C-alpha atoms as a PDB file:
ATOM      1  CA  UNK A   1      39.759  15.107 -79.210  1.00  0.00           C
ATOM      2  CA  UNK A   2      43.409  15.601 -79.984  1.00  0.00           C
ATOM      3  CA  UNK A   3      45.230  18.445 -79.748  1.00  0.00           C
ATOM      4  CA  UNK A   4      47.954  17.337 -82.348  1.00  0.00           C
ATOM      5  CA  UNK A   5      47.389  14.997 -84.798  1.00  0.00           C
ATOM      6  CA  UNK A   6      50.663  13.509 -86.357  1.00  0.00           C
ATOM      7  CA  UNK A   7      50.250  11.853 -90.348  1.00  0.00           C
ATOM      8  CA  UNK A   8      52.264   9.453 -91.486  1.00  0.00           C
ATOM      9  CA  UNK A   9      51.772   8.232 -95.241  1.00  0.00           C
ATOM     10  CA  UNK A  10      52.427   4.278 -95.303  1.00  0.00           C
ATOM     11  CA  UNK A  11      53.707   2.437 -98.471  1.00  0.00           C
ATOM     12  CA  UNK A  12      56.136  -0.912 -98.075  1.00  0.00           C
ATOM     13  CA  UNK A  13      57.320   0.326 -94.774  1.00  0.00           C
ATOM     14  CA  UNK A  14      57.415  -2.569 -92.600  1.00  0.00           C
ATOM     15  CA  UNK A  15      61.043  -2.391 -91.836  1.00  0.00           C
ATOM     16  CA  UNK A  16      60.717   1.232 -90.431  1.00  0.00           C
ATOM     17  CA  UNK A  17      57.088   2.138 -89.591  1.00  0.00           C
ATOM     18  CA  UNK A  18      57.583   0.647 -85.939  1.00  0.00           C
ATOM     19  CA  UNK A  19      60.478   2.403 -85.474  1.00  0.00           C
ATOM     20  CA  UNK A  20      58.550   5.166 -86.297  1.00  0.00           C
ATOM     21  CA  UNK A  21      55.547   4.590 -84.084  1.00  0.00           C
ATOM     22  CA  UNK A  22      57.305   3.947 -81.507  1.00  0.00           C
ATOM     23  CA  UNK A  23      58.616   7.888 -81.565  1.00  0.00           C
ATOM     24  CA  UNK A  24      55.174   9.175 -81.454  1.00  0.00           C
ATOM     25  CA  UNK A  25      54.216   6.793 -79.027  1.00  0.00           C
ATOM     26  CA  UNK A  26      57.146   7.509 -76.970  1.00  0.00           C
ATOM     27  CA  UNK A  27      56.194  11.191 -77.130  1.00  0.00           C
ATOM     28  CA  UNK A  28      56.656  13.166 -73.593  1.00  0.00           C
ATOM     29  CA  UNK A  29      53.210  14.958 -74.875  1.00  0.00           C
ATOM     30  CA  UNK A  30      50.287  12.117 -74.946  1.00  0.00           C
ATOM     31  CA  UNK A  31      47.450  14.291 -76.258  1.00  0.00           C
ATOM     32  CA  UNK A  32      47.560  13.016 -80.007  1.00  0.00           C
ATOM     33  CA  UNK A  33      45.950  10.500 -82.740  1.00  0.00           C
ATOM     34  CA  UNK A  34      48.375   9.418 -84.483  1.00  0.00           C
ATOM     35  CA  UNK A  35      46.441   8.589 -88.513  1.00  0.00           C
ATOM     36  CA  UNK A  36      48.634   5.171 -90.234  1.00  0.00           C
ATOM     37  CA  UNK A  37      47.081   5.861 -93.705  1.00  0.00           C
ATOM     38  CA  UNK A  38      48.409   2.629 -96.011  1.00  0.00           C
ATOM     39  CA  UNK A  39      49.175   3.688 -99.378  1.00  0.00           C
ATOM     40  CA  UNK A  40      48.045   0.014-101.085  1.00  0.00           C
ATOM     41  CA  UNK A  41      51.626  -1.835 -99.987  1.00  0.00           C
ATOM     42  CA  UNK A  42      52.004  -5.277-100.820  1.00  0.00           C
ATOM     43  CA  UNK A  43      54.317  -6.184 -97.909  1.00  0.00           C
ATOM     44  CA  UNK A  44      52.660  -6.352 -93.983  1.00  0.00           C
ATOM     45  CA  UNK A  45      52.395  -2.509 -93.497  1.00  0.00           C
ATOM     46  CA  UNK A  46      48.997  -2.578 -93.714  1.00  0.00           C
ATOM     47  CA  UNK A  47      48.919  -5.171 -90.840  1.00  0.00           C
ATOM     48  CA  UNK A  48      51.400  -3.932 -88.767  1.00  0.00           C
ATOM     49  CA  UNK A  49      48.804  -0.089 -89.203  1.00  0.00           C
ATOM     50  CA  UNK A  50      45.671  -2.437 -88.113  1.00  0.00           C
ATOM     51  CA  UNK A  51      47.887  -4.254 -85.574  1.00  0.00           C
ATOM     52  CA  UNK A  52      48.567  -1.210 -83.948  1.00  0.00           C
ATOM     53  CA  UNK A  53      45.689   0.592 -84.376  1.00  0.00           C
ATOM     54  CA  UNK A  54      43.988  -2.546 -82.538  1.00  0.00           C
ATOM     55  CA  UNK A  55      46.834  -2.062 -79.738  1.00  0.00           C
ATOM     56  CA  UNK A  56      46.344   1.793 -78.825  1.00  0.00           C
ATOM     57  CA  UNK A  57      42.813   3.883 -78.979  1.00  0.00           C
ATOM     58  CA  UNK A  58      45.126   6.906 -80.506  1.00  0.00           C
ATOM     59  CA  UNK A  59      45.843   5.209 -83.812  1.00  0.00           C
ATOM     60  CA  UNK A  60      43.948   4.874 -86.198  1.00  0.00           C
ATOM     61  CA  UNK A  61      44.613   2.854 -89.220  1.00  0.00           C
ATOM     62  CA  UNK A  62      43.280   3.804 -92.866  1.00  0.00           C
ATOM     63  CA  UNK A  63      43.402   2.393 -96.158  1.00  0.00           C
ATOM     64  CA  UNK A  64      43.939   3.609 -99.712  1.00  0.00           C
ATOM     65  CA  UNK A  65      41.923   1.503-102.138  1.00  0.00           C
ATOM     66  CA  UNK A  66      45.173   1.644-103.964  1.00  0.00           C
ATOM     67  CA  UNK A  67      48.716   2.962-104.232  1.00  0.00           C
ATOM     68  CA  UNK A  68      48.195   6.629-105.212  1.00  0.00           C
ATOM     69  CA  UNK A  69      50.818   8.176-104.512  1.00  0.00           C
ATOM     70  CA  UNK A  70      52.229  10.212-100.870  1.00  0.00           C
ATOM     71  CA  UNK A  71      50.136  13.560-101.410  1.00  0.00           C
ATOM     72  CA  UNK A  72      46.680  11.956-101.981  1.00  0.00           C
ATOM     73  CA  UNK A  73      47.834   9.467 -98.730  1.00  0.00           C
ATOM     74  CA  UNK A  74      48.139  12.971 -97.031  1.00  0.00           C
ATOM     75  CA  UNK A  75      45.451  14.673 -98.041  1.00  0.00           C
ATOM     76  CA  UNK A  76      43.528  11.965 -97.220  1.00  0.00           C
ATOM     77  CA  UNK A  77      44.849  12.200 -93.819  1.00  0.00           C
ATOM     78  CA  UNK A  78      44.194  15.882 -93.739  1.00  0.00           C
ATOM     79  CA  UNK A  79      40.845  14.888 -94.393  1.00  0.00           C
ATOM     80  CA  UNK A  80      40.584  12.577 -91.245  1.00  0.00           C
ATOM     81  CA  UNK A  81      42.584  15.150 -88.816  1.00  0.00           C
ATOM     82  CA  UNK A  82      40.277  15.715 -85.903  1.00  0.00           C
ATOM     83  CA  UNK A  83      43.558  18.078 -84.005  1.00  0.00           C
ATOM     84  CA  UNK A  84      43.840  21.349 -82.982  1.00  0.00           C
ATOM     85  CA  UNK A  85      47.302  21.159 -85.081  1.00  0.00           C
ATOM     86  CA  UNK A  86      48.324  18.629 -87.597  1.00  0.00           C
ATOM     87  CA  UNK A  87      51.971  17.525 -87.871  1.00  0.00           C
ATOM     88  CA  UNK A  88      53.757  15.168 -90.425  1.00  0.00           C
ATOM     89  CA  UNK A  89      56.047  12.218 -90.161  1.00  0.00           C
ATOM     90  CA  UNK A  90      56.929  10.017 -92.678  1.00  0.00           C
ATOM     91  CA  UNK A  91      57.358   5.921 -92.383  1.00  0.00           C
ATOM     92  CA  UNK A  92      61.176   5.654 -92.766  1.00  0.00           C
ATOM     93  CA  UNK A  93      62.022   8.534 -90.515  1.00  0.00           C
ATOM     94  CA  UNK A  94      61.227   9.868 -86.189  1.00  0.00           C
ATOM     95  CA  UNK A  95      60.938  12.015 -83.707  1.00  0.00           C
ATOM     96  CA  UNK A  96      63.242  13.040 -80.822  1.00  0.00           C
ATOM     97  CA  UNK A  97      60.646  12.103 -77.490  1.00  0.00           C
ATOM     98  CA  UNK A  98      59.942  16.083 -76.987  1.00  0.00           C
ATOM     99  CA  UNK A  99      59.053  16.773 -80.438  1.00  0.00           C
ATOM    100  CA  UNK A 100      55.595  17.592 -80.154  1.00  0.00           C
ATOM    101  CA  UNK A 101      55.908  19.031 -76.501  1.00  0.00           C
ATOM    102  CA  UNK A 102      58.433  21.936 -78.149  1.00  0.00           C
ATOM    103  CA  UNK A 103      56.144  22.606 -80.773  1.00  0.00           C
ATOM    104  CA  UNK A 104      53.352  22.918 -79.242  1.00  0.00           C
ATOM    105  CA  UNK A 105      54.883  25.322 -76.432  1.00  0.00           C
ATOM    106  CA  UNK A 106      56.379  27.094 -79.189  1.00  0.00           C
ATOM    107  CA  UNK A 107      52.931  27.960 -80.679  1.00  0.00           C
ATOM    108  CA  UNK A 108      51.558  28.395 -76.854  1.00  0.00           C
ATOM    109  CA  UNK A 109      54.147  30.224 -75.781  1.00  0.00           C
ATOM    110  CA  UNK A 110      54.472  32.492 -78.433  1.00  0.00           C
ATOM    111  CA  UNK A 111      50.595  32.919 -79.446  1.00  0.00           C
ATOM    112  CA  UNK A 112      51.937  31.857 -82.975  1.00  0.00           C
ATOM    113  CA  UNK A 113      49.831  29.951 -85.329  1.00  0.00           C
ATOM    114  CA  UNK A 114      52.571  27.679 -86.052  1.00  0.00           C
ATOM    115  CA  UNK A 115      55.925  26.378 -84.659  1.00  0.00           C
ATOM    116  CA  UNK A 116      59.047  25.206 -86.635  1.00  0.00           C
ATOM    117  CA  UNK A 117      62.516  23.211 -85.764  1.00  0.00           C
ATOM    118  CA  UNK A 118      65.553  22.369 -87.100  1.00  0.00           C
ATOM    119  CA  UNK A 119      66.641  18.612 -87.900  1.00  0.00           C
ATOM    120  CA  UNK A 120      69.141  15.513 -87.983  1.00  0.00           C
ATOM    121  CA  UNK A 121      69.818  14.844 -91.419  1.00  0.00           C
ATOM    122  CA  UNK A 122      70.929  10.721 -91.370  1.00  0.00           C
ATOM    123  CA  UNK A 123      72.914   8.811 -93.312  1.00  0.00           C
ATOM    124  CA  UNK A 124      72.268   5.285 -94.452  1.00  0.00           C
ATOM    125  CA  UNK A 125      76.353   4.473 -92.667  1.00  0.00           C
ATOM    126  CA  UNK A 126      74.707   6.197 -89.407  1.00  0.00           C
ATOM    127  CA  UNK A 127      76.618   9.636 -90.475  1.00  0.00           C
ATOM    128  CA  UNK A 128      74.890  12.372 -89.039  1.00  0.00           C
ATOM    129  CA  UNK A 129      74.527  16.764 -89.633  1.00  0.00           C
ATOM    130  CA  UNK A 130      71.727  18.739 -88.582  1.00  0.00           C
ATOM    131  CA  UNK A 131      69.859  21.265 -90.900  1.00  0.00           C
ATOM    132  CA  UNK A 132      68.318  24.012 -89.778  1.00  0.00           C
ATOM    133  CA  UNK A 133      65.581  25.857 -91.074  1.00  0.00           C
ATOM    134  CA  UNK A 134      65.466  29.968 -89.787  1.00  0.00           C
ATOM    135  CA  UNK A 135      67.220  31.354 -86.372  1.00  0.00           C
ATOM    136  CA  UNK A 136      65.067  30.364 -83.445  1.00  0.00           C
ATOM    137  CA  UNK A 137      62.459  33.058 -82.689  1.00  0.00           C
ATOM    138  CA  UNK A 138      59.568  34.154 -83.015  1.00  0.00           C
ATOM    139  CA  UNK A 139      58.328  35.422 -87.168  1.00  0.00           C
ATOM    140  CA  UNK A 140      55.718  37.986 -88.133  1.00  0.00           C
ATOM    141  CA  UNK A 141      53.229  37.187 -91.820  1.00  0.00           C
ATOM    142  CA  UNK A 142      55.539  40.318 -93.418  1.00  0.00           C
ATOM    143  CA  UNK A 143      58.984  38.228 -91.809  1.00  0.00           C
ATOM    144  CA  UNK A 144      57.721  34.841 -92.802  1.00  0.00           C
ATOM    145  CA  UNK A 145      56.960  36.212 -96.818  1.00  0.00           C
ATOM    146  CA  UNK A 146      60.656  37.563 -96.648  1.00  0.00           C
ATOM    147  CA  UNK A 147      62.757  34.946 -95.258  1.00  0.00           C
ATOM    148  CA  UNK A 148      61.322  31.765 -96.003  1.00  0.00           C
ATOM    149  CA  UNK A 149      58.768  32.332 -98.753  1.00  0.00           C
ATOM    150  CA  UNK A 150      60.658  34.054-100.939  1.00  0.00           C
ATOM    151  CA  UNK A 151      63.508  31.928-100.629  1.00  0.00           C
ATOM    152  CA  UNK A 152      61.408  28.718-100.978  1.00  0.00           C
ATOM    153  CA  UNK A 153      59.843  30.493-104.562  1.00  0.00           C
ATOM    154  CA  UNK A 154      61.851  32.014-106.335  1.00  0.00           C
ATOM    155  CA  UNK A 155      65.814  30.639-105.739  1.00  0.00           C
ATOM    156  CA  UNK A 156      65.977  26.797-106.574  1.00  0.00           C
ATOM    157  CA  UNK A 157      69.516  26.810-107.562  1.00  0.00           C
ATOM    158  CA  UNK A 158      71.808  28.589-105.023  1.00  0.00           C
ATOM    159  CA  UNK A 159      73.093  27.047-102.359  1.00  0.00           C
ATOM    160  CA  UNK A 160      72.560  26.366 -99.211  1.00  0.00           C
ATOM    161  CA  UNK A 161      68.648  25.724-100.609  1.00  0.00           C
ATOM    162  CA  UNK A 162      65.518  26.875 -98.106  1.00  0.00           C
ATOM    163  CA  UNK A 163      64.740  23.422 -98.609  1.00  0.00           C
ATOM    164  CA  UNK A 164      60.314  22.713 -98.090  1.00  0.00           C
ATOM    165  CA  UNK A 165      60.170  19.989 -95.427  1.00  0.00           C
ATOM    166  CA  UNK A 166      57.209  19.887 -93.804  1.00  0.00           C
ATOM    167  CA  UNK A 167      57.759  17.757 -90.921  1.00  0.00           C
ATOM    168  CA  UNK A 168      59.664  19.965 -89.502  1.00  0.00           C
ATOM    169  CA  UNK A 169      56.282  21.685 -88.816  1.00  0.00           C
ATOM    170  CA  UNK A 170      53.133  21.768 -86.547  1.00  0.00           C
ATOM    171  CA  UNK A 171      50.693  23.377 -88.111  1.00  0.00           C
ATOM    172  CA  UNK A 172      47.533  25.198 -87.162  1.00  0.00           C
ATOM    173  CA  UNK A 173      44.745  23.010 -88.222  1.00  0.00           C
ATOM    174  CA  UNK A 174      41.923  26.079 -89.137  1.00  0.00           C
ATOM    175  CA  UNK A 175      44.879  27.521 -91.186  1.00  0.00           C
ATOM    176  CA  UNK A 176      45.029  24.462 -93.657  1.00  0.00           C
ATOM    177  CA  UNK A 177      41.437  24.684 -94.197  1.00  0.00           C
ATOM    178  CA  UNK A 178      40.911  28.043 -95.020  1.00  0.00           C
ATOM    179  CA  UNK A 179      43.871  28.453 -96.654  1.00  0.00           C
ATOM    180  CA  UNK A 180      43.263  25.459 -98.477  1.00  0.00           C
ATOM    181  CA  UNK A 181      46.600  23.810 -98.800  1.00  0.00           C
ATOM    182  CA  UNK A 182      46.837  20.641 -99.735  1.00  0.00           C
ATOM    183  CA  UNK A 183      49.709  18.024-101.607  1.00  0.00           C
ATOM    184  CA  UNK A 184      50.151  17.626-105.339  1.00  0.00           C
ATOM    185  CA  UNK A 185      51.845  15.290-106.912  1.00  0.00           C
ATOM    186  CA  UNK A 186      54.827  12.488-106.252  1.00  0.00           C
ATOM    187  CA  UNK A 187      57.420  15.255-105.860  1.00  0.00           C
ATOM    188  CA  UNK A 188      58.359  18.617-104.444  1.00  0.00           C
ATOM    189  CA  UNK A 189      54.181  18.438-103.533  1.00  0.00           C
ATOM    190  CA  UNK A 190      56.075  19.889 -99.485  1.00  0.00           C
ATOM    191  CA  UNK A 191      57.109  23.401-100.993  1.00  0.00           C
ATOM    192  CA  UNK A 192      53.482  23.987-102.782  1.00  0.00           C
ATOM    193  CA  UNK A 193      51.838  23.263 -99.859  1.00  0.00           C
ATOM    194  CA  UNK A 194      54.341  25.380 -97.648  1.00  0.00           C
ATOM    195  CA  UNK A 195      53.683  28.189-100.114  1.00  0.00           C
ATOM    196  CA  UNK A 196      49.351  27.915-100.072  1.00  0.00           C
ATOM    197  CA  UNK A 197      49.909  27.386 -95.829  1.00  0.00           C
ATOM    198  CA  UNK A 198      52.176  30.702 -95.068  1.00  0.00           C
ATOM    199  CA  UNK A 199      51.321  32.565 -98.447  1.00  0.00           C
ATOM    200  CA  UNK A 200      47.645  32.554 -96.775  1.00  0.00           C
ATOM    201  CA  UNK A 201      49.146  33.885 -93.560  1.00  0.00           C
ATOM    202  CA  UNK A 202      46.825  37.075 -92.084  1.00  0.00           C
ATOM    203  CA  UNK A 203      49.179  40.003 -90.790  1.00  0.00           C
ATOM    204  CA  UNK A 204      49.153  39.311 -87.338  1.00  0.00           C
ATOM    205  CA  UNK A 205      50.185  35.709 -87.666  1.00  0.00           C
ATOM    206  CA  UNK A 206      53.370  34.394 -86.340  1.00  0.00           C
ATOM    207  CA  UNK A 207      55.568  31.177 -86.654  1.00  0.00           C
ATOM    208  CA  UNK A 208      57.861  30.487 -83.705  1.00  0.00           C
ATOM    209  CA  UNK A 209      61.078  28.945 -84.700  1.00  0.00           C
ATOM    210  CA  UNK A 210      63.647  26.445 -82.516  1.00  0.00           C
ATOM    211  CA  UNK A 211      67.577  25.565 -84.105  1.00  0.00           C
ATOM    212  CA  UNK A 212      66.775  22.556 -82.094  1.00  0.00           C
ATOM    213  CA  UNK A 213      67.232  19.538 -83.542  1.00  0.00           C
ATOM    214  CA  UNK A 214      63.860  17.677 -83.326  1.00  0.00           C
ATOM    215  CA  UNK A 215      62.661  15.687 -85.839  1.00  0.00           C
ATOM    216  CA  UNK A 216      65.458  12.349 -87.724  1.00  0.00           C
ATOM    217  CA  UNK A 217      64.979  12.560 -91.406  1.00  0.00           C
ATOM    218  CA  UNK A 218      66.253   9.448 -92.827  1.00  0.00           C
ATOM    219  CA  UNK A 219      67.775   9.588 -96.223  1.00  0.00           C
ATOM    220  CA  UNK A 220      66.811   6.702 -97.678  1.00  0.00           C
ATOM    221  CA  UNK A 221      67.920   5.072-100.689  1.00  0.00           C
ATOM    222  CA  UNK A 222      64.948   3.522-101.225  1.00  0.00           C
ATOM    223  CA  UNK A 223      63.100   7.549-101.046  1.00  0.00           C
ATOM    224  CA  UNK A 224      61.363   7.633-104.562  1.00  0.00           C
ATOM    225  CA  UNK A 225      62.952  10.815-105.131  1.00  0.00           C
ATOM    226  CA  UNK A 226      66.106   8.860-105.565  1.00  0.00           C
ATOM    227  CA  UNK A 227      64.968   6.632-108.372  1.00  0.00           C
ATOM    228  CA  UNK A 228      64.278   7.003-112.040  1.00  0.00           C
ATOM    229  CA  UNK A 229      60.865   8.396-112.907  1.00  0.00           C
ATOM    230  CA  UNK A 230      59.630   8.014-116.309  1.00  0.00           C
ATOM    231  CA  UNK A 231      57.043  11.143-116.034  1.00  0.00           C
ATOM    232  CA  UNK A 232      58.832  13.244-114.368  1.00  0.00           C
ATOM    233  CA  UNK A 233      58.610  15.978-116.859  1.00  0.00           C
ATOM    234  CA  UNK A 234      54.998  15.887-116.671  1.00  0.00           C
ATOM    235  CA  UNK A 235      55.525  16.399-112.487  1.00  0.00           C
ATOM    236  CA  UNK A 236      57.565  19.138-113.153  1.00  0.00           C
ATOM    237  CA  UNK A 237      55.053  21.020-115.939  1.00  0.00           C
ATOM    238  CA  UNK A 238      52.757  20.459-113.032  1.00  0.00           C
ATOM    239  CA  UNK A 239      54.508  21.947-110.506  1.00  0.00           C
ATOM    240  CA  UNK A 240      55.212  25.305-112.740  1.00  0.00           C
ATOM    241  CA  UNK A 241      51.109  25.538-113.598  1.00  0.00           C
ATOM    242  CA  UNK A 242      50.531  25.764-109.895  1.00  0.00           C
ATOM    243  CA  UNK A 243      53.376  28.290-109.338  1.00  0.00           C
ATOM    244  CA  UNK A 244      52.227  30.100-111.851  1.00  0.00           C
ATOM    245  CA  UNK A 245      48.867  30.290-109.881  1.00  0.00           C
ATOM    246  CA  UNK A 246      50.107  30.962-106.271  1.00  0.00           C
ATOM    247  CA  UNK A 247      52.510  33.912-108.156  1.00  0.00           C
ATOM    248  CA  UNK A 248      49.048  35.562-109.707  1.00  0.00           C
ATOM    249  CA  UNK A 249      47.559  34.702-105.788  1.00  0.00           C
ATOM    250  CA  UNK A 250      50.697  35.900-104.020  1.00  0.00           C
ATOM    251  CA  UNK A 251      52.755  38.238-105.992  1.00  0.00           C
ATOM    252  CA  UNK A 252      56.283  36.971-105.587  1.00  0.00           C
ATOM    253  CA  UNK A 253      57.652  38.426-108.685  1.00  0.00           C
ATOM    254  CA  UNK A 254      58.007  41.515-106.848  1.00  0.00           C
ATOM    255  CA  UNK A 255      60.279  40.217-104.693  1.00  0.00           C
ATOM    256  CA  UNK A 256      61.796  37.388-107.224  1.00  0.00           C
ATOM    257  CA  UNK A 257      61.473  39.072-110.932  1.00  0.00           C
ATOM    258  CA  UNK A 258      63.326  35.881-112.638  1.00  0.00           C
ATOM    259  CA  UNK A 259      61.784  33.410-110.749  1.00  0.00           C
ATOM    260  CA  UNK A 260      60.624  31.291-113.686  1.00  0.00           C
ATOM    261  CA  UNK A 261      63.886  30.874-115.176  1.00  0.00           C
ATOM    262  CA  UNK A 262      65.353  29.870-111.945  1.00  0.00           C
ATOM    263  CA  UNK A 263      62.484  27.376-111.384  1.00  0.00           C
ATOM    264  CA  UNK A 264      62.954  26.237-115.038  1.00  0.00           C
ATOM    265  CA  UNK A 265      66.918  25.702-114.345  1.00  0.00           C
ATOM    266  CA  UNK A 266      65.878  23.590-111.378  1.00  0.00           C
ATOM    267  CA  UNK A 267      63.596  21.964-113.413  1.00  0.00           C
ATOM    268  CA  UNK A 268      66.171  20.665-116.062  1.00  0.00           C
ATOM    269  CA  UNK A 269      68.533  19.722-113.583  1.00  0.00           C
ATOM    270  CA  UNK A 270      66.406  17.611-111.619  1.00  0.00           C
ATOM    271  CA  UNK A 271      65.114  15.961-115.279  1.00  0.00           C
ATOM    272  CA  UNK A 272      68.959  15.653-116.261  1.00  0.00           C
ATOM    273  CA  UNK A 273      70.072  13.578-113.296  1.00  0.00           C
ATOM    274  CA  UNK A 274      66.274  11.196-113.627  1.00  0.00           C
ATOM    275  CA  UNK A 275      67.217  10.897-117.416  1.00  0.00           C
ATOM    276  CA  UNK A 276      71.252   9.324-115.928  1.00  0.00           C
ATOM    277  CA  UNK A 277      69.320   7.706-112.905  1.00  0.00           C
ATOM    278  CA  UNK A 278      71.554   4.569-112.410  1.00  0.00           C
ATOM    279  CA  UNK A 279      70.166   0.497-113.590  1.00  0.00           C
ATOM    280  CA  UNK A 280      67.234   1.802-116.175  1.00  0.00           C
ATOM    281  CA  UNK A 281      67.347  -0.018-118.935  1.00  0.00           C
ATOM    282  CA  UNK A 282      68.318   3.005-121.758  1.00  0.00           C
ATOM    283  CA  UNK A 283      71.170   3.365-123.524  1.00  0.00           C
ATOM    284  CA  UNK A 284      73.331   5.924-123.254  1.00  0.00           C
ATOM    285  CA  UNK A 285      72.793   7.585-126.777  1.00  0.00           C
ATOM    286  CA  UNK A 286      68.215   7.159-125.906  1.00  0.00           C
ATOM    287  CA  UNK A 287      69.454   9.484-122.925  1.00  0.00           C
ATOM    288  CA  UNK A 288      71.898  11.962-124.411  1.00  0.00           C
ATOM    289  CA  UNK A 289      68.913  12.142-127.034  1.00  0.00           C
ATOM    290  CA  UNK A 290      66.228  13.182-124.559  1.00  0.00           C
ATOM    291  CA  UNK A 291      68.799  15.291-122.673  1.00  0.00           C
ATOM    292  CA  UNK A 292      68.829  17.643-125.645  1.00  0.00           C
ATOM    293  CA  UNK A 293      65.131  17.583-126.943  1.00  0.00           C
ATOM    294  CA  UNK A 294      64.497  18.192-123.247  1.00  0.00           C
ATOM    295  CA  UNK A 295      66.998  21.237-123.048  1.00  0.00           C
ATOM    296  CA  UNK A 296      65.178  22.133-127.364  1.00  0.00           C
ATOM    297  CA  UNK A 297      61.624  22.606-125.193  1.00  0.00           C
ATOM    298  CA  UNK A 298      60.812  26.880-126.355  1.00  0.00           C
ATOM    299  CA  UNK A 299      60.624  27.642-122.330  1.00  0.00           C
ATOM    300  CA  UNK A 300      63.762  25.618-121.486  1.00  0.00           C
ATOM    301  CA  UNK A 301      65.793  27.054-124.295  1.00  0.00           C
ATOM    302  CA  UNK A 302      64.851  30.707-123.716  1.00  0.00           C
ATOM    303  CA  UNK A 303      65.813  29.813-119.802  1.00  0.00           C
ATOM    304  CA  UNK A 304      69.762  28.432-120.880  1.00  0.00           C
ATOM    305  CA  UNK A 305      69.752  31.543-123.268  1.00  0.00           C
ATOM    306  CA  UNK A 306      69.000  34.244-121.079  1.00  0.00           C
ATOM    307  CA  UNK A 307      69.426  33.365-117.539  1.00  0.00           C
ATOM    308  CA  UNK A 308      72.825  32.117-115.947  1.00  0.00           C
ATOM    309  CA  UNK A 309      72.437  30.126-112.724  1.00  0.00           C
ATOM    310  CA  UNK A 310      75.037  30.928-109.978  1.00  0.00           C
ATOM    311  CA  UNK A 311      75.871  29.839-106.866  1.00  0.00           C
ATOM    312  CA  UNK A 312      74.951  26.104-107.044  1.00  0.00           C
ATOM    313  CA  UNK A 313      77.485  23.354-105.933  1.00  0.00           C
ATOM    314  CA  UNK A 314      80.367  22.413-108.314  1.00  0.00           C
ATOM    315  CA  UNK A 315      78.419  19.656-109.591  1.00  0.00           C
ATOM    316  CA  UNK A 316      75.605  20.945-110.891  1.00  0.00           C
ATOM    317  CA  UNK A 317      77.998  23.890-111.693  1.00  0.00           C
ATOM    318  CA  UNK A 318      79.111  21.156-113.716  1.00  0.00           C
ATOM    319  CA  UNK A 319      75.650  20.074-116.043  1.00  0.00           C
ATOM    320  CA  UNK A 320      74.818  23.959-116.385  1.00  0.00           C
ATOM    321  CA  UNK A 321      77.961  25.063-117.943  1.00  0.00           C
ATOM    322  CA  UNK A 322      78.470  21.810-120.466  1.00  0.00           C
ATOM    323  CA  UNK A 323      74.327  22.326-121.137  1.00  0.00           C
ATOM    324  CA  UNK A 324      74.754  25.940-121.809  1.00  0.00           C
ATOM    325  CA  UNK A 325      77.996  25.110-124.201  1.00  0.00           C
ATOM    326  CA  UNK A 326      75.799  21.706-125.352  1.00  0.00           C
ATOM    327  CA  UNK A 327      78.580  19.604-124.865  1.00  0.00           C
ATOM    328  CA  UNK A 328      76.192  17.079-124.408  1.00  0.00           C
ATOM    329  CA  UNK A 329      78.573  13.831-124.946  1.00  0.00           C
ATOM    330  CA  UNK A 330      80.884  15.167-122.588  1.00  0.00           C
ATOM    331  CA  UNK A 331      78.050  16.038-119.995  1.00  0.00           C
ATOM    332  CA  UNK A 332      76.843  12.088-120.590  1.00  0.00           C
ATOM    333  CA  UNK A 333      80.571  10.440-120.138  1.00  0.00           C
ATOM    334  CA  UNK A 334      80.599  12.207-116.574  1.00  0.00           C
ATOM    335  CA  UNK A 335      77.281  11.155-115.590  1.00  0.00           C
ATOM    336  CA  UNK A 336      78.865   7.679-116.249  1.00  0.00           C
ATOM    337  CA  UNK A 337      81.480   8.282-114.107  1.00  0.00           C
ATOM    338  CA  UNK A 338      79.988   9.357-111.700  1.00  0.00           C
ATOM    339  CA  UNK A 339      77.278   6.679-111.214  1.00  0.00           C
ATOM    340  CA  UNK A 340      80.233   3.853-112.601  1.00  0.00           C
ATOM    341  CA  UNK A 341      77.752   2.951-115.217  1.00  0.00           C
END
């Protein structure tokens, strides 16, 4: 059995998949399996996956019956994973050569169940910046909760955010199965997985962290999170339902009693940005009316009335200011200028 299973969901990935796969094949640690899950691609992705599997016995090509989304593809990978540890990699991203050896060494040297690293943010123009998770060190269950889970669960507005990127972690497969962690929905699925996985950590279990960037994350303009989602409120409502269940189980409200209002504001800002996305065939009057309707929803209206978001970046703060004052025409105008629509 391989030590590490690397799970890669693939959809319309023929242009960037070769670099992704080669970044795994170039790892200094060689005892891995690579699960390429083609999620109903209509380009040459499936053939590429099958060719890689034919050329390297450590690579397996799995095919979804149709395009079921990234969560279903990752869950399929989890069902098939045979490794002691599990790592995730997106088809448009890259590992640096020592990623797997470093993360595995952190687990083994520190007696930790999981490990995490910093990563490179790579812009389309080639500009790069490093984003860290936590300072290097070993974190016990109480520290994981205080320094990672509580900010991830309860503070979705104040910059800098605690981002829930699963691909900067190495997970213990046994703990994934014990926790019941799985992926749900097309958006924010990483965050919920991490809350489930680390929320179930037992006393004595540890997370080893390095500030060395080991993952290259391409800020891809073609990413699903940068396109208009017509059912985004359905997705965000489902996300809130899962968070309610997690709060009932792990009592995050003890440390963050206003998490609902905070999350509702974050969801509202996401939905507004989605509504004003460029390139959709919808009049600006219709968009403005949709945003006004969102703000009249009872849950959103209460959050707008009772909770003032603070600590955000300039753009989000401006949107929140205009929403609180019901200046929706000005909000629409600003988005038209911002997106040059």
